[in-house]
Amino acid sequence: MQVIGLGVAMPSFLDSKNQFSAKEANQSGCITKVRWVVETANRRIKQFKYFANTIQNSSLIYLESDLSIVCALINRYQPPMATSKPEDSEVGQKIMKLLHQKKNSAGK
């Protein structure tokens, strides 16, 4: 995925801390803003009964072709999750700019 300019990211976990650092909070918020696309795509795939359940190991040899067929059906018969708008680029740039800013304290 890095070859095409994509990276894998996961939100931070608090573990034993009371709150995230400003950097962790900003990164987590950014990840959350884009994660809905992945979750929506997964939901669409799981609408098909075959993918809504656990897939048996004996069926794994067919998984790639089955997934391709399901995705082709989704692309053909379901509307896009979102369409590009002229302001999308500006919103993306704003999110990236905010990612590097410190969060303000709640009391200030």
PDB file of N, CA and C in Angstrom:
ATOM      1  N   MET A   1       0.821  -1.192   0.000  1.00  0.00           N
ATOM      2  CA  MET A   1       0.000   0.000   0.000  1.00  0.00           C
ATOM      3  C   MET A   1       0.864   1.253   0.000  1.00  0.00           C
ATOM      4  N   GLN A   2       2.051   1.160   0.575  1.00  0.00           N
ATOM      5  CA  GLN A   2       2.917   2.331   0.605  1.00  0.00           C
ATOM      6  C   GLN A   2       3.344   2.740  -0.794  1.00  0.00           C
ATOM      7  N   VAL A   3       3.413   1.783  -1.709  1.00  0.00           N
ATOM      8  CA  VAL A   3       3.804   2.074  -3.087  1.00  0.00           C
ATOM      9  C   VAL A   3       2.830   3.050  -3.732  1.00  0.00           C
ATOM     10  N   ILE A   4       1.548   2.945  -3.389  1.00  0.00           N
ATOM     11  CA  ILE A   4       0.547   3.845  -3.973  1.00  0.00           C
ATOM     12  C   ILE A   4       0.219   5.023  -3.060  1.00  0.00           C
ATOM     13  N   GLY A   5       1.032   5.217  -2.022  1.00  0.00           N
ATOM     14  CA  GLY A   5       0.875   6.395  -1.171  1.00  0.00           C
ATOM     15  C   GLY A   5      -0.078   6.238  -0.001  1.00  0.00           C
ATOM     16  N   LEU A   6      -0.417   5.005   0.355  1.00  0.00           N
ATOM     17  CA  LEU A   6      -1.321   4.771   1.478  1.00  0.00           C
ATOM     18  C   LEU A   6      -0.541   4.221   2.662  1.00  0.00           C
ATOM     19  N   GLY A   7      -0.980   4.554   3.838  1.00  0.00           N
ATOM     20  CA  GLY A   7      -0.353   4.040   5.043  1.00  0.00           C
ATOM     21  C   GLY A   7      -1.387   3.407   5.949  1.00  0.00           C
ATOM     22  N   VAL A   8      -0.942   2.524   6.810  1.00  0.00           N
ATOM     23  CA  VAL A   8      -1.827   1.871   7.762  1.00  0.00           C
ATOM     24  C   VAL A   8      -1.719   2.625   9.083  1.00  0.00           C
ATOM     25  N   ALA A   9      -2.850   2.947   9.685  1.00  0.00           N
ATOM     26  CA  ALA A   9      -2.844   3.689  10.946  1.00  0.00           C
ATOM     27  C   ALA A   9      -3.920   3.140  11.865  1.00  0.00           C
ATOM     28  N   MET A  10      -3.612   3.138  13.150  1.00  0.00           N
ATOM     29  CA  MET A  10      -4.562   2.708  14.163  1.00  0.00           C
ATOM     30  C   MET A  10      -4.634   3.772  15.242  1.00  0.00           C
ATOM     31  N   PRO A  11      -5.813   4.047  15.778  1.00  0.00           N
ATOM     32  CA  PRO A  11      -5.895   5.013  16.876  1.00  0.00           C
ATOM     33  C   PRO A  11      -5.102   4.523  18.088  1.00  0.00           C
ATOM     34  N   SER A  12      -4.631   5.438  18.885  1.00  0.00           N
ATOM     35  CA  SER A  12      -3.878   5.093  20.099  1.00  0.00           C
ATOM     36  C   SER A  12      -4.814   4.523  21.162  1.00  0.00           C
ATOM     37  N   PHE A  13      -4.243   3.770  22.077  1.00  0.00           N
ATOM     38  CA  PHE A  13      -4.991   3.268  23.222  1.00  0.00           C
ATOM     39  C   PHE A  13      -4.487   3.974  24.471  1.00  0.00           C
ATOM     40  N   LEU A  14      -5.379   4.239  25.406  1.00  0.00           N
ATOM     41  CA  LEU A  14      -4.991   4.933  26.628  1.00  0.00           C
ATOM     42  C   LEU A  14      -4.123   4.073  27.540  1.00  0.00           C
ATOM     43  N   ASP A  15      -4.321   2.776  27.539  1.00  0.00           N
ATOM     44  CA  ASP A  15      -3.633   1.869  28.449  1.00  0.00           C
ATOM     45  C   ASP A  15      -3.820   2.364  29.884  1.00  0.00           C
ATOM     46  N   SER A  16      -2.742   2.714  30.578  1.00  0.00           N
ATOM     47  CA  SER A  16      -2.874   3.142  31.978  1.00  0.00           C
ATOM     48  C   SER A  16      -2.874   4.665  32.127  1.00  0.00           C
ATOM     49  N   LYS A  17      -2.816   5.391  31.014  1.00  0.00           N
ATOM     50  CA  LYS A  17      -2.813   6.856  31.077  1.00  0.00           C
ATOM     51  C   LYS A  17      -4.236   7.380  31.262  1.00  0.00           C
ATOM     52  N   ASN A  18      -4.346   8.597  31.797  1.00  0.00           N
ATOM     53  CA  ASN A  18      -5.653   9.225  31.978  1.00  0.00           C
ATOM     54  C   ASN A  18      -6.145   9.890  30.709  1.00  0.00           C
ATOM     55  N   GLN A  19      -5.216  10.411  29.901  1.00  0.00           N
ATOM     56  CA  GLN A  19      -5.611  11.050  28.650  1.00  0.00           C
ATOM     57  C   GLN A  19      -4.463  10.980  27.658  1.00  0.00           C
ATOM     58  N   PHE A  20      -4.794  11.199  26.387  1.00  0.00           N
ATOM     59  CA  PHE A  20      -3.791  11.188  25.334  1.00  0.00           C
ATOM     60  C   PHE A  20      -2.951  12.456  25.380  1.00  0.00           C
ATOM     61  N   SER A  21      -1.752  12.364  24.826  1.00  0.00           N
ATOM     62  CA  SER A  21      -0.976  13.581  24.592  1.00  0.00           C
ATOM     63  C   SER A  21      -1.659  14.332  23.450  1.00  0.00           C
ATOM     64  N   ALA A  22      -1.290  15.587  23.243  1.00  0.00           N
ATOM     65  CA  ALA A  22      -1.906  16.379  22.171  1.00  0.00           C
ATOM     66  C   ALA A  22      -1.677  15.714  20.820  1.00  0.00           C
ATOM     67  N   LYS A  23      -0.478  15.215  20.589  1.00  0.00           N
ATOM     68  CA  LYS A  23      -0.160  14.567  19.310  1.00  0.00           C
ATOM     69  C   LYS A  23      -1.004  13.311  19.113  1.00  0.00           C
ATOM     70  N   GLU A  24      -1.102  12.477  20.157  1.00  0.00           N
ATOM     71  CA  GLU A  24      -1.904  11.255  20.070  1.00  0.00           C
ATOM     72  C   GLU A  24      -3.375  11.573  19.836  1.00  0.00           C
ATOM     73  N   ALA A  25      -3.894  12.591  20.510  1.00  0.00           N
ATOM     74  CA  ALA A  25      -5.302  12.977  20.347  1.00  0.00           C
ATOM     75  C   ALA A  25      -5.566  13.471  18.926  1.00  0.00           C
ATOM     76  N   ASN A  26      -4.661  14.262  18.388  1.00  0.00           N
ATOM     77  CA  ASN A  26      -4.825  14.763  17.021  1.00  0.00           C
ATOM     78  C   ASN A  26      -4.763  13.632  16.007  1.00  0.00           C
ATOM     79  N   GLN A  27      -3.805  12.713  16.187  1.00  0.00           N
ATOM     80  CA  GLN A  27      -3.689  11.583  15.264  1.00  0.00           C
ATOM     81  C   GLN A  27      -4.922  10.690  15.332  1.00  0.00           C
ATOM     82  N   SER A  28      -5.396  10.419  16.530  1.00  0.00           N
ATOM     83  CA  SER A  28      -6.575   9.576  16.708  1.00  0.00           C
ATOM     84  C   SER A  28      -7.806  10.207  16.058  1.00  0.00           C
ATOM     85  N   GLY A  29      -7.968  11.518  16.233  1.00  0.00           N
ATOM     86  CA  GLY A  29      -9.095  12.222  15.611  1.00  0.00           C
ATOM     87  C   GLY A  29      -9.031  12.178  14.099  1.00  0.00           C
ATOM     88  N   CYS A  30      -7.828  12.317  13.554  1.00  0.00           N
ATOM     89  CA  CYS A  30      -7.647  12.271  12.101  1.00  0.00           C
ATOM     90  C   CYS A  30      -7.997  10.882  11.562  1.00  0.00           C
ATOM     91  N   ILE A  31      -7.539   9.855  12.250  1.00  0.00           N
ATOM     92  CA  ILE A  31      -7.833   8.480  11.832  1.00  0.00           C
ATOM     93  C   ILE A  31      -9.337   8.233  11.867  1.00  0.00           C
ATOM     94  N   THR A  32     -10.000   8.712  12.903  1.00  0.00           N
ATOM     95  CA  THR A  32     -11.444   8.534  13.043  1.00  0.00           C
ATOM     96  C   THR A  32     -12.202   9.204  11.902  1.00  0.00           C
ATOM     97  N   LYS A  33     -11.735  10.358  11.459  1.00  0.00           N
ATOM     98  CA  LYS A  33     -12.412  11.093  10.386  1.00  0.00           C
ATOM     99  C   LYS A  33     -12.393  10.338   9.059  1.00  0.00           C
ATOM    100  N   VAL A  34     -11.350   9.545   8.818  1.00  0.00           N
ATOM    101  CA  VAL A  34     -11.272   8.824   7.545  1.00  0.00           C
ATOM    102  C   VAL A  34     -11.690   7.364   7.665  1.00  0.00           C
ATOM    103  N   ARG A  35     -11.788   6.847   8.870  1.00  0.00           N
ATOM    104  CA  ARG A  35     -12.101   5.429   9.062  1.00  0.00           C
ATOM    105  C   ARG A  35     -13.517   5.059   8.615  1.00  0.00           C
ATOM    106  N   TRP A  36     -14.434   6.000   8.592  1.00  0.00           N
ATOM    107  CA  TRP A  36     -15.812   5.687   8.232  1.00  0.00           C
ATOM    108  C   TRP A  36     -15.891   5.084   6.829  1.00  0.00           C
ATOM    109  N   VAL A  37     -14.984   5.453   5.952  1.00  0.00           N
ATOM    110  CA  VAL A  37     -14.999   4.915   4.589  1.00  0.00           C
ATOM    111  C   VAL A  37     -14.742   3.413   4.625  1.00  0.00           C
ATOM    112  N   VAL A  38     -13.752   3.006   5.406  1.00  0.00           N
ATOM    113  CA  VAL A  38     -13.419   1.586   5.526  1.00  0.00           C
ATOM    114  C   VAL A  38     -14.580   0.828   6.153  1.00  0.00           C
ATOM    115  N   GLU A  39     -15.145   1.363   7.211  1.00  0.00           N
ATOM    116  CA  GLU A  39     -16.255   0.698   7.899  1.00  0.00           C
ATOM    117  C   GLU A  39     -17.484   0.578   7.001  1.00  0.00           C
ATOM    118  N   THR A  40     -17.757   1.595   6.207  1.00  0.00           N
ATOM    119  CA  THR A  40     -18.902   1.548   5.293  1.00  0.00           C
ATOM    120  C   THR A  40     -18.689   0.498   4.213  1.00  0.00           C
ATOM    121  N   ALA A  41     -17.474   0.423   3.681  1.00  0.00           N
ATOM    122  CA  ALA A  41     -17.172  -0.595   2.668  1.00  0.00           C
ATOM    123  C   ALA A  41     -17.316  -1.997   3.260  1.00  0.00           C
ATOM    124  N   ASN A  42     -16.804  -2.200   4.470  1.00  0.00           N
ATOM    125  CA  ASN A  42     -16.940  -3.505   5.126  1.00  0.00           C
ATOM    126  C   ASN A  42     -18.405  -3.854   5.360  1.00  0.00           C
ATOM    127  N   ARG A  43     -19.202  -2.866   5.767  1.00  0.00           N
ATOM    128  CA  ARG A  43     -20.631  -3.113   6.001  1.00  0.00           C
ATOM    129  C   ARG A  43     -21.313  -3.553   4.713  1.00  0.00           C
ATOM    130  N   ARG A  44     -20.980  -2.916   3.611  1.00  0.00           N
ATOM    131  CA  ARG A  44     -21.588  -3.285   2.328  1.00  0.00           C
ATOM    132  C   ARG A  44     -21.237  -4.720   1.947  1.00  0.00           C
ATOM    133  N   ILE A  45     -20.002  -5.109   2.166  1.00  0.00           N
ATOM    134  CA  ILE A  45     -19.585  -6.480   1.845  1.00  0.00           C
ATOM    135  C   ILE A  45     -20.312  -7.471   2.744  1.00  0.00           C
ATOM    136  N   LYS A  46     -20.463  -7.140   4.020  1.00  0.00           N
ATOM    137  CA  LYS A  46     -21.104  -8.058   4.964  1.00  0.00           C
ATOM    138  C   LYS A  46     -22.614  -8.148   4.787  1.00  0.00           C
ATOM    139  N   GLN A  47     -23.188  -7.344   3.895  1.00  0.00           N
ATOM    140  CA  GLN A  47     -24.609  -7.493   3.580  1.00  0.00           C
ATOM    141  C   GLN A  47     -24.853  -8.811   2.853  1.00  0.00           C
ATOM    142  N   PHE A  48     -23.818  -9.361   2.241  1.00  0.00           N
ATOM    143  CA  PHE A  48     -23.923 -10.653   1.577  1.00  0.00           C
ATOM    144  C   PHE A  48     -23.734 -11.737   2.634  1.00  0.00           C
ATOM    145  N   LYS A  49     -24.679 -12.666   2.695  1.00  0.00           N
ATOM    146  CA  LYS A  49     -24.708 -13.681   3.744  1.00  0.00           C
ATOM    147  C   LYS A  49     -23.380 -14.431   3.853  1.00  0.00           C
ATOM    148  N   TYR A  50     -22.762 -14.728   2.724  1.00  0.00           N
ATOM    149  CA  TYR A  50     -21.504 -15.478   2.713  1.00  0.00           C
ATOM    150  C   TYR A  50     -20.429 -14.759   3.525  1.00  0.00           C
ATOM    151  N   PHE A  51     -20.355 -13.440   3.398  1.00  0.00           N
ATOM    152  CA  PHE A  51     -19.329 -12.670   4.095  1.00  0.00           C
ATOM    153  C   PHE A  51     -19.774 -12.186   5.474  1.00  0.00           C
ATOM    154  N   ALA A  52     -21.033 -12.355   5.803  1.00  0.00           N
ATOM    155  CA  ALA A  52     -21.535 -11.935   7.114  1.00  0.00           C
ATOM    156  C   ALA A  52     -21.180 -12.952   8.193  1.00  0.00           C
ATOM    157  N   ASN A  53     -20.840 -14.163   7.780  1.00  0.00           N
ATOM    158  CA  ASN A  53     -20.531 -15.238   8.718  1.00  0.00           C
ATOM    159  C   ASN A  53     -19.056 -15.620   8.629  1.00  0.00           C
ATOM    160  N   THR A  54     -18.637 -16.485   9.540  1.00  0.00           N
ATOM    161  CA  THR A  54     -17.270 -16.999   9.505  1.00  0.00           C
ATOM    162  C   THR A  54     -17.103 -17.862   8.260  1.00  0.00           C
ATOM    163  N   ILE A  55     -15.989 -17.670   7.576  1.00  0.00           N
ATOM    164  CA  ILE A  55     -15.720 -18.428   6.351  1.00  0.00           C
ATOM    165  C   ILE A  55     -14.851 -19.627   6.713  1.00  0.00           C
ATOM    166  N   GLN A  56     -15.263 -20.804   6.263  1.00  0.00           N
ATOM    167  CA  GLN A  56     -14.532 -22.025   6.580  1.00  0.00           C
ATOM    168  C   GLN A  56     -13.223 -22.088   5.798  1.00  0.00           C
ATOM    169  N   ASN A  57     -12.239 -22.730   6.388  1.00  0.00           N
ATOM    170  CA  ASN A  57     -10.933 -22.871   5.739  1.00  0.00           C
ATOM    171  C   ASN A  57     -11.035 -23.533   4.373  1.00  0.00           C
ATOM    172  N   SER A  58     -11.946 -24.476   4.223  1.00  0.00           N
ATOM    173  CA  SER A  58     -12.084 -25.180   2.945  1.00  0.00           C
ATOM    174  C   SER A  58     -12.567 -24.254   1.832  1.00  0.00           C
ATOM    175  N   SER A  59     -13.135 -23.110   2.185  1.00  0.00           N
ATOM    176  CA  SER A  59     -13.630 -22.148   1.193  1.00  0.00           C
ATOM    177  C   SER A  59     -12.614 -21.066   0.853  1.00  0.00           C
ATOM    178  N   LEU A  60     -11.491 -21.042   1.543  1.00  0.00           N
ATOM    179  CA  LEU A  60     -10.517 -19.971   1.345  1.00  0.00           C
ATOM    180  C   LEU A  60      -9.959 -19.923  -0.071  1.00  0.00           C
ATOM    181  N   ILE A  61      -9.916 -21.053  -0.754  1.00  0.00           N
ATOM    182  CA  ILE A  61      -9.381 -21.046  -2.124  1.00  0.00           C
ATOM    183  C   ILE A  61     -10.278 -20.246  -3.069  1.00  0.00           C
ATOM    184  N   TYR A  62     -11.535 -20.059  -2.698  1.00  0.00           N
ATOM    185  CA  TYR A  62     -12.476 -19.293  -3.524  1.00  0.00           C
ATOM    186  C   TYR A  62     -12.650 -17.853  -3.043  1.00  0.00           C
ATOM    187  N   LEU A  63     -12.015 -17.500  -1.942  1.00  0.00           N
ATOM    188  CA  LEU A  63     -12.252 -16.208  -1.303  1.00  0.00           C
ATOM    189  C   LEU A  63     -11.974 -15.028  -2.228  1.00  0.00           C
ATOM    190  N   GLU A  64     -10.854 -15.040  -2.933  1.00  0.00           N
ATOM    191  CA  GLU A  64     -10.508 -13.904  -3.792  1.00  0.00           C
ATOM    192  C   GLU A  64     -11.536 -13.708  -4.902  1.00  0.00           C
ATOM    193  N   SER A  65     -11.939 -14.793  -5.552  1.00  0.00           N
ATOM    194  CA  SER A  65     -12.920 -14.648  -6.634  1.00  0.00           C
ATOM    195  C   SER A  65     -14.295 -14.269  -6.077  1.00  0.00           C
ATOM    196  N   ASP A  66     -14.672 -14.833  -4.936  1.00  0.00           N
ATOM    197  CA  ASP A  66     -15.961 -14.478  -4.325  1.00  0.00           C
ATOM    198  C   ASP A  66     -15.998 -13.004  -3.928  1.00  0.00           C
ATOM    199  N   LEU A  67     -14.910 -12.519  -3.344  1.00  0.00           N
ATOM    200  CA  LEU A  67     -14.837 -11.112  -2.950  1.00  0.00           C
ATOM    201  C   LEU A  67     -14.875 -10.200  -4.176  1.00  0.00           C
ATOM    202  N   SER A  68     -14.200 -10.597  -5.241  1.00  0.00           N
ATOM    203  CA  SER A  68     -14.222  -9.801  -6.482  1.00  0.00           C
ATOM    204  C   SER A  68     -15.635  -9.699  -7.045  1.00  0.00           C
ATOM    205  N   ILE A  69     -16.362 -10.800  -7.011  1.00  0.00           N
ATOM    206  CA  ILE A  69     -17.740 -10.808  -7.522  1.00  0.00           C
ATOM    207  C   ILE A  69     -18.625  -9.903  -6.666  1.00  0.00           C
ATOM    208  N   VAL A  70     -18.522 -10.031  -5.348  1.00  0.00           N
ATOM    209  CA  VAL A  70     -19.331  -9.209  -4.445  1.00  0.00           C
ATOM    210  C   VAL A  70     -19.018  -7.731  -4.646  1.00  0.00           C
ATOM    211  N   CYS A  71     -17.746  -7.387  -4.739  1.00  0.00           N
ATOM    212  CA  CYS A  71     -17.368  -5.980  -4.932  1.00  0.00           C
ATOM    213  C   CYS A  71     -17.845  -5.460  -6.282  1.00  0.00           C
ATOM    214  N   ALA A  72     -17.814  -6.303  -7.313  1.00  0.00           N
ATOM    215  CA  ALA A  72     -18.325  -5.889  -8.621  1.00  0.00           C
ATOM    216  C   ALA A  72     -19.828  -5.621  -8.551  1.00  0.00           C
ATOM    217  N   LEU A  73     -20.562  -6.472  -7.840  1.00  0.00           N
ATOM    218  CA  LEU A  73     -22.005  -6.263  -7.674  1.00  0.00           C
ATOM    219  C   LEU A  73     -22.292  -4.974  -6.901  1.00  0.00           C
ATOM    220  N   ILE A  74     -21.518  -4.737  -5.858  1.00  0.00           N
ATOM    221  CA  ILE A  74     -21.692  -3.506  -5.077  1.00  0.00           C
ATOM    222  C   ILE A  74     -21.424  -2.295  -5.956  1.00  0.00           C
ATOM    223  N   ASN A  75     -20.321  -2.325  -6.701  1.00  0.00           N
ATOM    224  CA  ASN A  75     -19.968  -1.190  -7.561  1.00  0.00           C
ATOM    225  C   ASN A  75     -21.010  -0.947  -8.641  1.00  0.00           C
ATOM    226  N   ARG A  76     -21.633  -2.015  -9.122  1.00  0.00           N
ATOM    227  CA  ARG A  76     -22.606  -1.873 -10.211  1.00  0.00           C
ATOM    228  C   ARG A  76     -23.973  -1.408  -9.716  1.00  0.00           C
ATOM    229  N   TYR A  77     -24.424  -1.937  -8.587  1.00  0.00           N
ATOM    230  CA  TYR A  77     -25.816  -1.726  -8.194  1.00  0.00           C
ATOM    231  C   TYR A  77     -26.031  -0.827  -6.972  1.00  0.00           C
ATOM    232  N   GLN A  78     -24.988  -0.411  -6.304  1.00  0.00           N
ATOM    233  CA  GLN A  78     -25.162   0.486  -5.160  1.00  0.00           C
ATOM    234  C   GLN A  78     -24.547   1.840  -5.485  1.00  0.00           C
ATOM    235  N   PRO A  79     -25.154   2.905  -4.988  1.00  0.00           N
ATOM    236  CA  PRO A  79     -24.596   4.242  -5.253  1.00  0.00           C
ATOM    237  C   PRO A  79     -23.264   4.409  -4.525  1.00  0.00           C
ATOM    238  N   PRO A  80     -22.436   5.332  -4.980  1.00  0.00           N
ATOM    239  CA  PRO A  80     -21.163   5.578  -4.289  1.00  0.00           C
ATOM    240  C   PRO A  80     -21.405   6.005  -2.840  1.00  0.00           C
ATOM    241  N   MET A  81     -20.468   5.653  -1.969  1.00  0.00           N
ATOM    242  CA  MET A  81     -20.579   6.056  -0.558  1.00  0.00           C
ATOM    243  C   MET A  81     -20.492   7.569  -0.443  1.00  0.00           C
ATOM    244  N   ALA A  82     -19.676   8.168  -1.280  1.00  0.00           N
ATOM    245  CA  ALA A  82     -19.497   9.621  -1.279  1.00  0.00           C
ATOM    246  C   ALA A  82     -19.009  10.033  -2.661  1.00  0.00           C
ATOM    247  N   THR A  83     -19.289  11.247  -3.032  1.00  0.00           N
ATOM    248  CA  THR A  83     -18.793  11.771  -4.298  1.00  0.00           C
ATOM    249  C   THR A  83     -17.855  12.933  -4.011  1.00  0.00           C
ATOM    250  N   SER A  84     -16.901  13.122  -4.894  1.00  0.00           N
ATOM    251  CA  SER A  84     -15.934  14.207  -4.707  1.00  0.00           C
ATOM    252  C   SER A  84     -16.611  15.553  -4.888  1.00  0.00           C
ATOM    253  N   LYS A  85     -16.198  16.485  -4.057  1.00  0.00           N
ATOM    254  CA  LYS A  85     -16.700  17.853  -4.134  1.00  0.00           C
ATOM    255  C   LYS A  85     -15.496  18.775  -4.259  1.00  0.00           C
ATOM    256  N   PRO A  86     -15.681  19.953  -4.813  1.00  0.00           N
ATOM    257  CA  PRO A  86     -14.551  20.875  -4.957  1.00  0.00           C
ATOM    258  C   PRO A  86     -13.855  21.208  -3.634  1.00  0.00           C
ATOM    259  N   GLU A  87     -14.613  21.252  -2.544  1.00  0.00           N
ATOM    260  CA  GLU A  87     -14.021  21.637  -1.260  1.00  0.00           C
ATOM    261  C   GLU A  87     -13.310  20.488  -0.539  1.00  0.00           C
ATOM    262  N   ASP A  88     -13.370  19.264  -1.081  1.00  0.00           N
ATOM    263  CA  ASP A  88     -12.743  18.121  -0.421  1.00  0.00           C
ATOM    264  C   ASP A  88     -11.246  18.314  -0.208  1.00  0.00           C
ATOM    265  N   SER A  89     -10.572  18.866  -1.186  1.00  0.00           N
ATOM    266  CA  SER A  89      -9.130  19.089  -1.071  1.00  0.00           C
ATOM    267  C   SER A  89      -8.822  20.063   0.061  1.00  0.00           C
ATOM    268  N   GLU A  90      -9.630  21.107   0.173  1.00  0.00           N
ATOM    269  CA  GLU A  90      -9.431  22.090   1.241  1.00  0.00           C
ATOM    270  C   GLU A  90      -9.659  21.458   2.613  1.00  0.00           C
ATOM    271  N   VAL A  91     -10.680  20.623   2.715  1.00  0.00           N
ATOM    272  CA  VAL A  91     -10.972  19.957   3.988  1.00  0.00           C
ATOM    273  C   VAL A  91      -9.805  19.048   4.370  1.00  0.00           C
ATOM    274  N   GLY A  92      -9.279  18.299   3.405  1.00  0.00           N
ATOM    275  CA  GLY A  92      -8.138  17.426   3.667  1.00  0.00           C
ATOM    276  C   GLY A  92      -6.921  18.197   4.133  1.00  0.00           C
ATOM    277  N   GLN A  93      -6.659  19.325   3.490  1.00  0.00           N
ATOM    278  CA  GLN A  93      -5.522  20.153   3.894  1.00  0.00           C
ATOM    279  C   GLN A  93      -5.720  20.710   5.303  1.00  0.00           C
ATOM    280  N   LYS A  94      -6.953  21.085   5.630  1.00  0.00           N
ATOM    281  CA  LYS A  94      -7.251  21.617   6.965  1.00  0.00           C
ATOM    282  C   LYS A  94      -7.039  20.540   8.027  1.00  0.00           C
ATOM    283  N   ILE A  95      -7.476  19.312   7.733  1.00  0.00           N
ATOM    284  CA  ILE A  95      -7.295  18.209   8.676  1.00  0.00           C
ATOM    285  C   ILE A  95      -5.809  17.958   8.905  1.00  0.00           C
ATOM    286  N   MET A  96      -5.017  17.955   7.834  1.00  0.00           N
ATOM    287  CA  MET A  96      -3.581  17.726   7.976  1.00  0.00           C
ATOM    288  C   MET A  96      -2.916  18.850   8.773  1.00  0.00           C
ATOM    289  N   LYS A  97      -3.381  20.078   8.579  1.00  0.00           N
ATOM    290  CA  LYS A  97      -2.833  21.212   9.327  1.00  0.00           C
ATOM    291  C   LYS A  97      -3.177  21.081  10.811  1.00  0.00           C
ATOM    292  N   LEU A  98      -4.430  20.722  11.100  1.00  0.00           N
ATOM    293  CA  LEU A  98      -4.861  20.557  12.489  1.00  0.00           C
ATOM    294  C   LEU A  98      -4.147  19.392  13.175  1.00  0.00           C
ATOM    295  N   LEU A  99      -3.756  18.406  12.386  1.00  0.00           N
ATOM    296  CA  LEU A  99      -3.069  17.236  12.928  1.00  0.00           C
ATOM    297  C   LEU A  99      -1.788  17.638  13.651  1.00  0.00           C
ATOM    298  N   HIS A 100      -1.145  18.672  13.169  1.00  0.00           N
ATOM    299  CA  HIS A 100       0.143  19.081  13.728  1.00  0.00           C
ATOM    300  C   HIS A 100       0.029  20.201  14.762  1.00  0.00           C
ATOM    301  N   GLN A 101      -1.195  20.634  15.072  1.00  0.00           N
ATOM    302  CA  GLN A 101      -1.382  21.666  16.086  1.00  0.00           C
ATOM    303  C   GLN A 101      -1.609  21.024  17.446  1.00  0.00           C
ATOM    304  N   LYS A 102      -1.319  21.760  18.492  1.00  0.00           N
ATOM    305  CA  LYS A 102      -1.597  21.274  19.840  1.00  0.00           C
ATOM    306  C   LYS A 102      -3.059  21.505  20.161  1.00  0.00           C
ATOM    307  N   LYS A 103      -3.657  20.554  20.868  1.00  0.00           N
ATOM    308  CA  LYS A 103      -5.044  20.722  21.312  1.00  0.00           C
ATOM    309  C   LYS A 103      -5.072  21.684  22.492  1.00  0.00           C
ATOM    310  N   ASN A 104      -6.123  22.503  22.550  1.00  0.00           N
ATOM    311  CA  ASN A 104      -6.303  23.416  23.682  1.00  0.00           C
ATOM    312  C   ASN A 104      -6.848  22.650  24.870  1.00  0.00           C
ATOM    313  N   SER A 105      -6.523  23.091  26.051  1.00  0.00           N
ATOM    314  CA  SER A 105      -7.078  22.476  27.259  1.00  0.00           C
ATOM    315  C   SER A 105      -8.557  22.787  27.328  1.00  0.00           C
ATOM    316  N   ALA A 106      -9.327  21.894  27.927  1.00  0.00           N
ATOM    317  CA  ALA A 106     -10.782  22.075  28.010  1.00  0.00           C
ATOM    318  C   ALA A 106     -11.141  23.318  28.815  1.00  0.00           C
ATOM    319  N   GLY A 107     -10.333  23.667  29.798  1.00  0.00           N
ATOM    320  CA  GLY A 107     -10.664  24.789  30.654  1.00  0.00           C
ATOM    321  C   GLY A 107     -10.195  26.135  30.128  1.00  0.00           C
ATOM    322  N   LYS A 108      -9.510  26.167  29.010  1.00  0.00           N
ATOM    323  CA  LYS A 108      -8.973  27.439  28.518  1.00  0.00           C
ATOM    324  C   LYS A 108      -9.675  27.917  27.285  1.00  0.00           C
TER     325      LYS A 108
END
